[in-house]
PDB file of N, CA and C in Angstrom:
ATOM      1  N   MET A   1     147.080 135.792  93.802  1.00  0.00           N
ATOM      2  CA  MET A   1     146.363 136.073  92.584  1.00  0.00           C
ATOM      3  C   MET A   1     146.639 134.981  91.553  1.00  0.00           C
ATOM      4  N   ARG A   2     147.859 134.473  91.551  1.00  0.00           N
ATOM      5  CA  ARG A   2     148.241 133.438  90.605  1.00  0.00           C
ATOM      6  C   ARG A   2     147.461 132.148  90.889  1.00  0.00           C
ATOM      7  N   VAL A   3     147.243 131.854  92.147  1.00  0.00           N
ATOM      8  CA  VAL A   3     146.499 130.652  92.529  1.00  0.00           C
ATOM      9  C   VAL A   3     145.054 130.759  92.044  1.00  0.00           C
ATOM     10  N   PHE A   4     144.482 131.941  92.157  1.00  0.00           N
ATOM     11  CA  PHE A   4     143.107 132.147  91.694  1.00  0.00           C
ATOM     12  C   PHE A   4     142.999 131.905  90.201  1.00  0.00           C
ATOM     13  N   ARG A   5     143.969 132.387  89.423  1.00  0.00           N
ATOM     14  CA  ARG A   5     143.962 132.200  87.984  1.00  0.00           C
ATOM     15  C   ARG A   5     144.085 130.719  87.627  1.00  0.00           C
ATOM     16  N   ILE A   6     144.959 130.011  88.320  1.00  0.00           N
ATOM     17  CA  ILE A   6     145.142 128.589  88.050  1.00  0.00           C
ATOM     18  C   ILE A   6     143.864 127.817  88.384  1.00  0.00           C
ATOM     19  N   ALA A   7     143.210 128.170  89.482  1.00  0.00           N
ATOM     20  CA  ALA A   7     141.951 127.515  89.867  1.00  0.00           C
ATOM     21  C   ALA A   7     140.862 127.780  88.824  1.00  0.00           C
ATOM     22  N   ALA A   8     140.828 129.003  88.290  1.00  0.00           N
ATOM     23  CA  ALA A   8     139.839 129.340  87.277  1.00  0.00           C
ATOM     24  C   ALA A   8     140.090 128.548  85.993  1.00  0.00           C
ATOM     25  N   VAL A   9     141.353 128.384  85.610  1.00  0.00           N
ATOM     26  CA  VAL A   9     141.689 127.620  84.410  1.00  0.00           C
ATOM     27  C   VAL A   9     141.280 126.165  84.589  1.00  0.00           C
ATOM     28  N   PHE A  10     141.562 125.575  85.749  1.00  0.00           N
ATOM     29  CA  PHE A  10     141.163 124.193  85.995  1.00  0.00           C
ATOM     30  C   PHE A  10     139.642 124.041  85.973  1.00  0.00           C
ATOM     31  N   ALA A  11     138.936 125.003  86.518  1.00  0.00           N
ATOM     32  CA  ALA A  11     137.471 124.936  86.524  1.00  0.00           C
ATOM     33  C   ALA A  11     136.920 125.001  85.100  1.00  0.00           C
ATOM     34  N   LEU A  12     137.509 125.866  84.275  1.00  0.00           N
ATOM     35  CA  LEU A  12     137.041 125.986  82.896  1.00  0.00           C
ATOM     36  C   LEU A  12     137.357 124.734  82.084  1.00  0.00           C
ATOM     37  N   LEU A  13     138.487 124.104  82.352  1.00  0.00           N
ATOM     38  CA  LEU A  13     138.847 122.898  81.621  1.00  0.00           C
ATOM     39  C   LEU A  13     138.049 121.684  82.093  1.00  0.00           C
ATOM     40  N   ALA A  14     137.617 121.680  83.338  1.00  0.00           N
ATOM     41  CA  ALA A  14     136.882 120.545  83.877  1.00  0.00           C
ATOM     42  C   ALA A  14     135.391 120.600  83.528  1.00  0.00           C
ATOM     43  N   ALA A  15     134.881 121.757  83.168  1.00  0.00           N
ATOM     44  CA  ALA A  15     133.449 121.900  82.891  1.00  0.00           C
ATOM     45  C   ALA A  15     132.979 120.985  81.755  1.00  0.00           C
ATOM     46  N   PRO A  16     133.686 120.866  80.619  1.00  0.00           N
ATOM     47  CA  PRO A  16     133.203 119.953  79.572  1.00  0.00           C
ATOM     48  C   PRO A  16     133.181 118.492  80.025  1.00  0.00           C
ATOM     49  N   ALA A  17     134.051 118.122  80.940  1.00  0.00           N
ATOM     50  CA  ALA A  17     134.068 116.740  81.413  1.00  0.00           C
ATOM     51  C   ALA A  17     132.804 116.433  82.216  1.00  0.00           C
ATOM     52  N   TYR A  18     132.276 117.398  82.936  1.00  0.00           N
ATOM     53  CA  TYR A  18     131.044 117.174  83.695  1.00  0.00           C
ATOM     54  C   TYR A  18     129.854 116.973  82.764  1.00  0.00           C
ATOM     55  N   ALA A  19     129.901 117.551  81.586  1.00  0.00           N
ATOM     56  CA  ALA A  19     128.797 117.405  80.636  1.00  0.00           C
ATOM     57  C   ALA A  19     128.725 115.989  80.078  1.00  0.00           C
ATOM     58  N   GLN A  20     129.792 115.241  80.173  1.00  0.00           N
ATOM     59  CA  GLN A  20     129.810 113.894  79.617  1.00  0.00           C
ATOM     60  C   GLN A  20     129.385 112.825  80.616  1.00  0.00           C
ATOM     61  N   LEU A  21     129.124 113.197  81.838  1.00  0.00           N
ATOM     62  CA  LEU A  21     128.689 112.228  82.843  1.00  0.00           C
ATOM     63  C   LEU A  21     127.281 111.747  82.521  1.00  0.00           C
ATOM     64  N   PRO A  22     126.944 110.505  82.862  1.00  0.00           N
ATOM     65  CA  PRO A  22     125.576 110.031  82.610  1.00  0.00           C
ATOM     66  C   PRO A  22     124.593 110.795  83.499  1.00  0.00           C
ATOM     67  N   PRO A  23     123.375 110.977  83.013  1.00  0.00           N
ATOM     68  CA  PRO A  23     122.390 111.722  83.807  1.00  0.00           C
ATOM     69  C   PRO A  23     122.012 110.939  85.066  1.00  0.00           C
ATOM     70  N   ILE A  24     121.843 111.657  86.144  1.00  0.00           N
ATOM     71  CA  ILE A  24     121.464 111.055  87.411  1.00  0.00           C
ATOM     72  C   ILE A  24     120.018 111.443  87.690  1.00  0.00           C
ATOM     73  N   ASN A  25     119.160 110.450  87.836  1.00  0.00           N
ATOM     74  CA  ASN A  25     117.758 110.683  88.111  1.00  0.00           C
ATOM     75  C   ASN A  25     117.547 110.631  89.617  1.00  0.00           C
ATOM     76  N   LEU A  26     117.232 111.783  90.212  1.00  0.00           N
ATOM     77  CA  LEU A  26     117.025 111.830  91.656  1.00  0.00           C
ATOM     78  C   LEU A  26     115.589 111.489  92.044  1.00  0.00           C
ATOM     79  N   ILE A  27     114.690 111.493  91.080  1.00  0.00           N
ATOM     80  CA  ILE A  27     113.293 111.162  91.354  1.00  0.00           C
ATOM     81  C   ILE A  27     113.118 109.662  91.174  1.00  0.00           C
ATOM     82  N   GLN A  28     112.577 109.021  92.184  1.00  0.00           N
ATOM     83  CA  GLN A  28     112.384 107.581  92.109  1.00  0.00           C
ATOM     84  C   GLN A  28     111.220 107.257  91.189  1.00  0.00           C
ATOM     85  N   GLU A  29     111.248 106.068  90.647  1.00  0.00           N
ATOM     86  CA  GLU A  29     110.169 105.615  89.775  1.00  0.00           C
ATOM     87  C   GLU A  29     108.868 105.530  90.576  1.00  0.00           C
ATOM     88  N   ALA A  30     107.764 105.792  89.910  1.00  0.00           N
ATOM     89  CA  ALA A  30     106.465 105.696  90.562  1.00  0.00           C
ATOM     90  C   ALA A  30     106.147 104.228  90.823  1.00  0.00           C
ATOM     91  N   PRO A  31     105.510 103.933  91.927  1.00  0.00           N
ATOM     92  CA  PRO A  31     105.166 102.529  92.212  1.00  0.00           C
ATOM     93  C   PRO A  31     104.172 102.012  91.180  1.00  0.00           C
ATOM     94  N   SER A  32     104.266 100.734  90.891  1.00  0.00           N
ATOM     95  CA  SER A  32     103.360 100.139  89.908  1.00  0.00           C
ATOM     96  C   SER A  32     101.929 100.127  90.457  1.00  0.00           C
ATOM     97  N   LYS A  33     100.980 100.128  89.537  1.00  0.00           N
ATOM     98  CA  LYS A  33      99.580 100.179  89.928  1.00  0.00           C
ATOM     99  C   LYS A  33      99.054  98.786  90.222  1.00  0.00           C
ATOM    100  N   THR A  34      98.138  98.753  91.143  1.00  0.00           N
ATOM    101  CA  THR A  34      97.500  97.487  91.491  1.00  0.00           C
ATOM    102  C   THR A  34      96.454  97.152  90.433  1.00  0.00           C
ATOM    103  N   PRO A  35      96.048  95.901  90.335  1.00  0.00           N
ATOM    104  CA  PRO A  35      95.000  95.543  89.359  1.00  0.00           C
ATOM    105  C   PRO A  35      93.702  96.320  89.574  1.00  0.00           C
ATOM    106  N   ASP A  36      93.380  96.629  90.824  1.00  0.00           N
ATOM    107  CA  ASP A  36      92.169  97.415  91.088  1.00  0.00           C
ATOM    108  C   ASP A  36      92.295  98.822  90.505  1.00  0.00           C
ATOM    109  N   GLN A  37      93.471  99.417  90.660  1.00  0.00           N
ATOM    110  CA  GLN A  37      93.690 100.760  90.131  1.00  0.00           C
ATOM    111  C   GLN A  37      93.645 100.758  88.598  1.00  0.00           C
ATOM    112  N   ILE A  38      94.209  99.729  87.997  1.00  0.00           N
ATOM    113  CA  ILE A  38      94.192  99.622  86.539  1.00  0.00           C
ATOM    114  C   ILE A  38      92.760  99.475  86.038  1.00  0.00           C
ATOM    115  N   GLU A  39      91.966  98.651  86.732  1.00  0.00           N
ATOM    116  CA  GLU A  39      90.572  98.447  86.361  1.00  0.00           C
ATOM    117  C   GLU A  39      89.769  99.730  86.524  1.00  0.00           C
ATOM    118  N   GLN A  40      90.012 100.456  87.615  1.00  0.00           N
ATOM    119  CA  GLN A  40      89.312 101.714  87.867  1.00  0.00           C
ATOM    120  C   GLN A  40      89.672 102.749  86.793  1.00  0.00           C
ATOM    121  N   GLU A  41      90.930 102.809  86.418  1.00  0.00           N
ATOM    122  CA  GLU A  41      91.370 103.754  85.395  1.00  0.00           C
ATOM    123  C   GLU A  41      90.740 103.419  84.039  1.00  0.00           C
ATOM    124  N   ALA A  42      90.635 102.138  83.719  1.00  0.00           N
ATOM    125  CA  ALA A  42      90.011 101.720  82.463  1.00  0.00           C
ATOM    126  C   ALA A  42      88.535 102.106  82.449  1.00  0.00           C
ATOM    127  N   ALA A  43      87.863 101.955  83.593  1.00  0.00           N
ATOM    128  CA  ALA A  43      86.452 102.326  83.681  1.00  0.00           C
ATOM    129  C   ALA A  43      86.288 103.837  83.502  1.00  0.00           C
ATOM    130  N   GLN A  44      87.190 104.599  84.066  1.00  0.00           N
ATOM    131  CA  GLN A  44      87.132 106.052  83.903  1.00  0.00           C
ATOM    132  C   GLN A  44      87.335 106.445  82.445  1.00  0.00           C
ATOM    133  N   GLN A  45      88.280 105.813  81.779  1.00  0.00           N
ATOM    134  CA  GLN A  45      88.535 106.114  80.363  1.00  0.00           C
ATOM    135  C   GLN A  45      87.316 105.759  79.503  1.00  0.00           C
ATOM    136  N   LYS A  46      86.686 104.633  79.813  1.00  0.00           N
ATOM    137  CA  LYS A  46      85.507 104.205  79.065  1.00  0.00           C
ATOM    138  C   LYS A  46      84.368 105.205  79.266  1.00  0.00           C
ATOM    139  N   ALA A  47      84.162 105.650  80.503  1.00  0.00           N
ATOM    140  CA  ALA A  47      83.108 106.626  80.787  1.00  0.00           C
ATOM    141  C   ALA A  47      83.406 107.950  80.095  1.00  0.00           C
ATOM    142  N   TYR A  48      84.657 108.326  80.049  1.00  0.00           N
ATOM    143  CA  TYR A  48      85.050 109.573  79.385  1.00  0.00           C
ATOM    144  C   TYR A  48      84.752 109.501  77.889  1.00  0.00           C
ATOM    145  N   LYS A  49      85.103 108.392  77.253  1.00  0.00           N
ATOM    146  CA  LYS A  49      84.864 108.242  75.817  1.00  0.00           C
ATOM    147  C   LYS A  49      83.379 108.215  75.504  1.00  0.00           C
ATOM    148  N   GLU A  50      82.584 107.588  76.374  1.00  0.00           N
ATOM    149  CA  GLU A  50      81.137 107.565  76.174  1.00  0.00           C
ATOM    150  C   GLU A  50      80.541 108.965  76.312  1.00  0.00           C
ATOM    151  N   SER A  51      81.059 109.746  77.248  1.00  0.00           N
ATOM    152  CA  SER A  51      80.541 111.102  77.420  1.00  0.00           C
ATOM    153  C   SER A  51      80.903 111.972  76.221  1.00  0.00           C
ATOM    154  N   LEU A  52      82.044 111.703  75.581  1.00  0.00           N
ATOM    155  CA  LEU A  52      82.408 112.459  74.388  1.00  0.00           C
ATOM    156  C   LEU A  52      81.473 112.146  73.229  1.00  0.00           C
ATOM    157  N   ARG A  53      80.977 110.926  73.156  1.00  0.00           N
ATOM    158  CA  ARG A  53      80.049 110.552  72.083  1.00  0.00           C
ATOM    159  C   ARG A  53      78.701 111.253  72.239  1.00  0.00           C
ATOM    160  N   LYS A  54      78.339 111.626  73.463  1.00  0.00           N
ATOM    161  CA  LYS A  54      77.054 112.266  73.715  1.00  0.00           C
ATOM    162  C   LYS A  54      77.041 113.733  73.300  1.00  0.00           C
ATOM    163  N   ILE A  55      78.211 114.329  73.098  1.00  0.00           N
ATOM    164  CA  ILE A  55      78.282 115.734  72.708  1.00  0.00           C
ATOM    165  C   ILE A  55      77.868 115.848  71.244  1.00  0.00           C
ATOM    166  N   PRO A  56      76.913 116.719  70.936  1.00  0.00           N
ATOM    167  CA  PRO A  56      76.473 116.836  69.544  1.00  0.00           C
ATOM    168  C   PRO A  56      77.575 117.462  68.687  1.00  0.00           C
ATOM    169  N   ASP A  57      77.532 117.111  67.402  1.00  0.00           N
ATOM    170  CA  ASP A  57      78.508 117.672  66.474  1.00  0.00           C
ATOM    171  C   ASP A  57      78.241 119.156  66.274  1.00  0.00           C
ATOM    172  N   ALA A  58      79.303 119.902  66.084  1.00  0.00           N
ATOM    173  CA  ALA A  58      79.171 121.338  65.867  1.00  0.00           C
ATOM    174  C   ALA A  58      78.682 121.609  64.448  1.00  0.00           C
ATOM    175  N   LYS A  59      78.152 122.793  64.233  1.00  0.00           N
ATOM    176  CA  LYS A  59      77.708 123.171  62.899  1.00  0.00           C
ATOM    177  C   LYS A  59      78.922 123.192  61.980  1.00  0.00           C
ATOM    178  N   SER A  60      78.695 122.873  60.724  1.00  0.00           N
ATOM    179  CA  SER A  60      79.816 122.821  59.794  1.00  0.00           C
ATOM    180  C   SER A  60      80.383 124.211  59.530  1.00  0.00           C
ATOM    181  N   THR A  61      79.523 125.227  59.493  1.00  0.00           N
ATOM    182  CA  THR A  61      80.012 126.584  59.294  1.00  0.00           C
ATOM    183  C   THR A  61      79.699 127.396  60.534  1.00  0.00           C
ATOM    184  N   SER A  62      80.693 127.937  61.112  1.00  0.00           N
ATOM    185  CA  SER A  62      80.482 128.804  62.262  1.00  0.00           C
ATOM    186  C   SER A  62      81.159 130.135  61.958  1.00  0.00           C
ATOM    187  N   ASP A  63      80.388 131.042  61.397  1.00  0.00           N
ATOM    188  CA  ASP A  63      80.884 132.358  61.037  1.00  0.00           C
ATOM    189  C   ASP A  63      80.181 133.372  61.926  1.00  0.00           C
ATOM    190  N   PRO A  64      80.829 133.830  63.002  1.00  0.00           N
ATOM    191  CA  PRO A  64      80.156 134.745  63.918  1.00  0.00           C
ATOM    192  C   PRO A  64      79.838 136.091  63.280  1.00  0.00           C
ATOM    193  N   TRP A  65      80.542 136.480  62.243  1.00  0.00           N
ATOM    194  CA  TRP A  65      80.296 137.758  61.592  1.00  0.00           C
ATOM    195  C   TRP A  65      79.445 137.592  60.335  1.00  0.00           C
ATOM    196  N   GLY A  66      78.914 136.419  60.099  1.00  0.00           N
ATOM    197  CA  GLY A  66      78.147 136.163  58.888  1.00  0.00           C
ATOM    198  C   GLY A  66      76.920 137.044  58.758  1.00  0.00           C
ATOM    199  N   ASN A  67      76.226 137.320  59.849  1.00  0.00           N
ATOM    200  CA  ASN A  67      75.023 138.141  59.765  1.00  0.00           C
ATOM    201  C   ASN A  67      75.361 139.629  59.712  1.00  0.00           C
ATOM    202  N   VAL A  68      76.584 140.000  59.959  1.00  0.00           N
ATOM    203  CA  VAL A  68      76.981 141.404  59.890  1.00  0.00           C
ATOM    204  C   VAL A  68      77.343 141.778  58.459  1.00  0.00           C
ATOM    205  N   ARG A  69      77.999 140.867  57.776  1.00  0.00           N
ATOM    206  CA  ARG A  69      78.396 141.123  56.395  1.00  0.00           C
ATOM    207  C   ARG A  69      77.176 141.040  55.484  1.00  0.00           C
ATOM    208  N   SER A  70      77.170 141.892  54.486  1.00  0.00           N
ATOM    209  CA  SER A  70      76.092 141.810  53.508  1.00  0.00           C
ATOM    210  C   SER A  70      76.558 140.953  52.345  1.00  0.00           C
ATOM    211  N   ALA A  71      75.607 140.380  51.641  1.00  0.00           N
ATOM    212  CA  ALA A  71      75.946 139.510  50.528  1.00  0.00           C
ATOM    213  C   ALA A  71      76.498 140.331  49.361  1.00  0.00           C
ATOM    214  N   ASP A  72      75.961 141.523  49.168  1.00  0.00           N
ATOM    215  CA  ASP A  72      76.420 142.386  48.084  1.00  0.00           C
ATOM    216  C   ASP A  72      77.445 143.370  48.624  1.00  0.00           C
ATOM    217  N   VAL A  73      78.599 143.331  48.063  1.00  0.00           N
ATOM    218  CA  VAL A  73      79.640 144.267  48.477  1.00  0.00           C
ATOM    219  C   VAL A  73      79.463 145.522  47.636  1.00  0.00           C
ATOM    220  N   PRO A  74      79.249 146.673  48.274  1.00  0.00           N
ATOM    221  CA  PRO A  74      79.034 147.891  47.480  1.00  0.00           C
ATOM    222  C   PRO A  74      80.302 148.250  46.708  1.00  0.00           C
ATOM    223  N   LYS A  75      80.086 148.665  45.484  1.00  0.00           N
ATOM    224  CA  LYS A  75      81.217 149.062  44.662  1.00  0.00           C
ATOM    225  C   LYS A  75      81.686 150.432  45.116  1.00  0.00           C
ATOM    226  N   THR A  76      82.969 150.626  45.084  1.00  0.00           N
ATOM    227  CA  THR A  76      83.506 151.930  45.460  1.00  0.00           C
ATOM    228  C   THR A  76      83.233 152.902  44.323  1.00  0.00           C
ATOM    229  N   PRO A  77      82.870 154.126  44.638  1.00  0.00           N
ATOM    230  CA  PRO A  77      82.579 155.087  43.588  1.00  0.00           C
ATOM    231  C   PRO A  77      83.849 155.404  42.802  1.00  0.00           C
ATOM    232  N   ALA A  78      83.645 155.711  41.542  1.00  0.00           N
ATOM    233  CA  ALA A  78      84.779 156.050  40.691  1.00  0.00           C
ATOM    234  C   ALA A  78      85.409 157.338  41.212  1.00  0.00           C
ATOM    235  N   PRO A  79      86.708 157.423  41.188  1.00  0.00           N
ATOM    236  CA  PRO A  79      87.344 158.632  41.696  1.00  0.00           C
ATOM    237  C   PRO A  79      86.988 159.833  40.809  1.00  0.00           C
ATOM    238  N   THR A  80      86.725 160.931  41.454  1.00  0.00           N
ATOM    239  CA  THR A  80      86.374 162.138  40.720  1.00  0.00           C
ATOM    240  C   THR A  80      87.641 162.849  40.277  1.00  0.00           C
ATOM    241  N   LYS A  81      87.554 163.494  39.154  1.00  0.00           N
ATOM    242  CA  LYS A  81      88.715 164.227  38.659  1.00  0.00           C
ATOM    243  C   LYS A  81      88.780 165.571  39.352  1.00  0.00           C
ATOM    244  N   ARG A  82      89.968 165.928  39.750  1.00  0.00           N
ATOM    245  CA  ARG A  82      90.150 167.230  40.406  1.00  0.00           C
ATOM    246  C   ARG A  82      90.942 168.151  39.475  1.00  0.00           C
ATOM    247  N   THR A  83      90.618 169.366  39.617  1.00  0.00           N
ATOM    248  CA  THR A  83      91.339 170.360  38.830  1.00  0.00           C
ATOM    249  C   THR A  83      92.566 170.800  39.591  1.00  0.00           C
ATOM    250  N   LYS A  84      93.350 171.652  38.988  1.00  0.00           N
ATOM    251  CA  LYS A  84      94.578 172.111  39.644  1.00  0.00           C
ATOM    252  C   LYS A  84      94.273 172.918  40.904  1.00  0.00           C
ATOM    253  N   THR A  85      93.154 173.530  40.973  1.00  0.00           N
ATOM    254  CA  THR A  85      92.821 174.332  42.142  1.00  0.00           C
ATOM    255  C   THR A  85      92.279 173.480  43.275  1.00  0.00           C
ATOM    256  N   GLY A  86      91.970 172.202  43.024  1.00  0.00           N
ATOM    257  CA  GLY A  86      91.486 171.316  44.071  1.00  0.00           C
ATOM    258  C   GLY A  86      89.995 171.085  44.029  1.00  0.00           C
ATOM    259  N   SER A  87      89.255 171.785  43.187  1.00  0.00           N
ATOM    260  CA  SER A  87      87.817 171.565  43.095  1.00  0.00           C
ATOM    261  C   SER A  87      87.556 170.400  42.160  1.00  0.00           C
ATOM    262  N   THR A  88      86.397 169.778  42.313  1.00  0.00           N
ATOM    263  CA  THR A  88      86.066 168.640  41.463  1.00  0.00           C
ATOM    264  C   THR A  88      85.456 169.127  40.173  1.00  0.00           C
ATOM    265  N   ALA A  89      85.777 168.453  39.101  1.00  0.00           N
ATOM    266  CA  ALA A  89      85.229 168.817  37.794  1.00  0.00           C
ATOM    267  C   ALA A  89      84.014 167.968  37.504  1.00  0.00           C
ATOM    268  N   ASN A  90      82.994 168.574  36.973  1.00  0.00           N
ATOM    269  CA  ASN A  90      81.771 167.847  36.647  1.00  0.00           C
ATOM    270  C   ASN A  90      81.755 167.445  35.228  1.00  0.00           C
TER     271      ASN A  90
END
């Protein structure tokens, strides 16, 4: 049991030291692109930008509930006075 405790203490003390190691990148760098690939990618980007220019501009105001709302907001009726019995007074 004593050996287990000592091993646990060493593991806890060694953990911060592992955090200071330099990062190891296991993924290799991507191969560089050939001039043909670079040219093809540039042509694709140019075609994409041209297609974006063909899209018409959206309306400046887009209120989907605009036709549901009325221009005149009805005023709320004045509260009626109630008597102690709960009936309304005229």
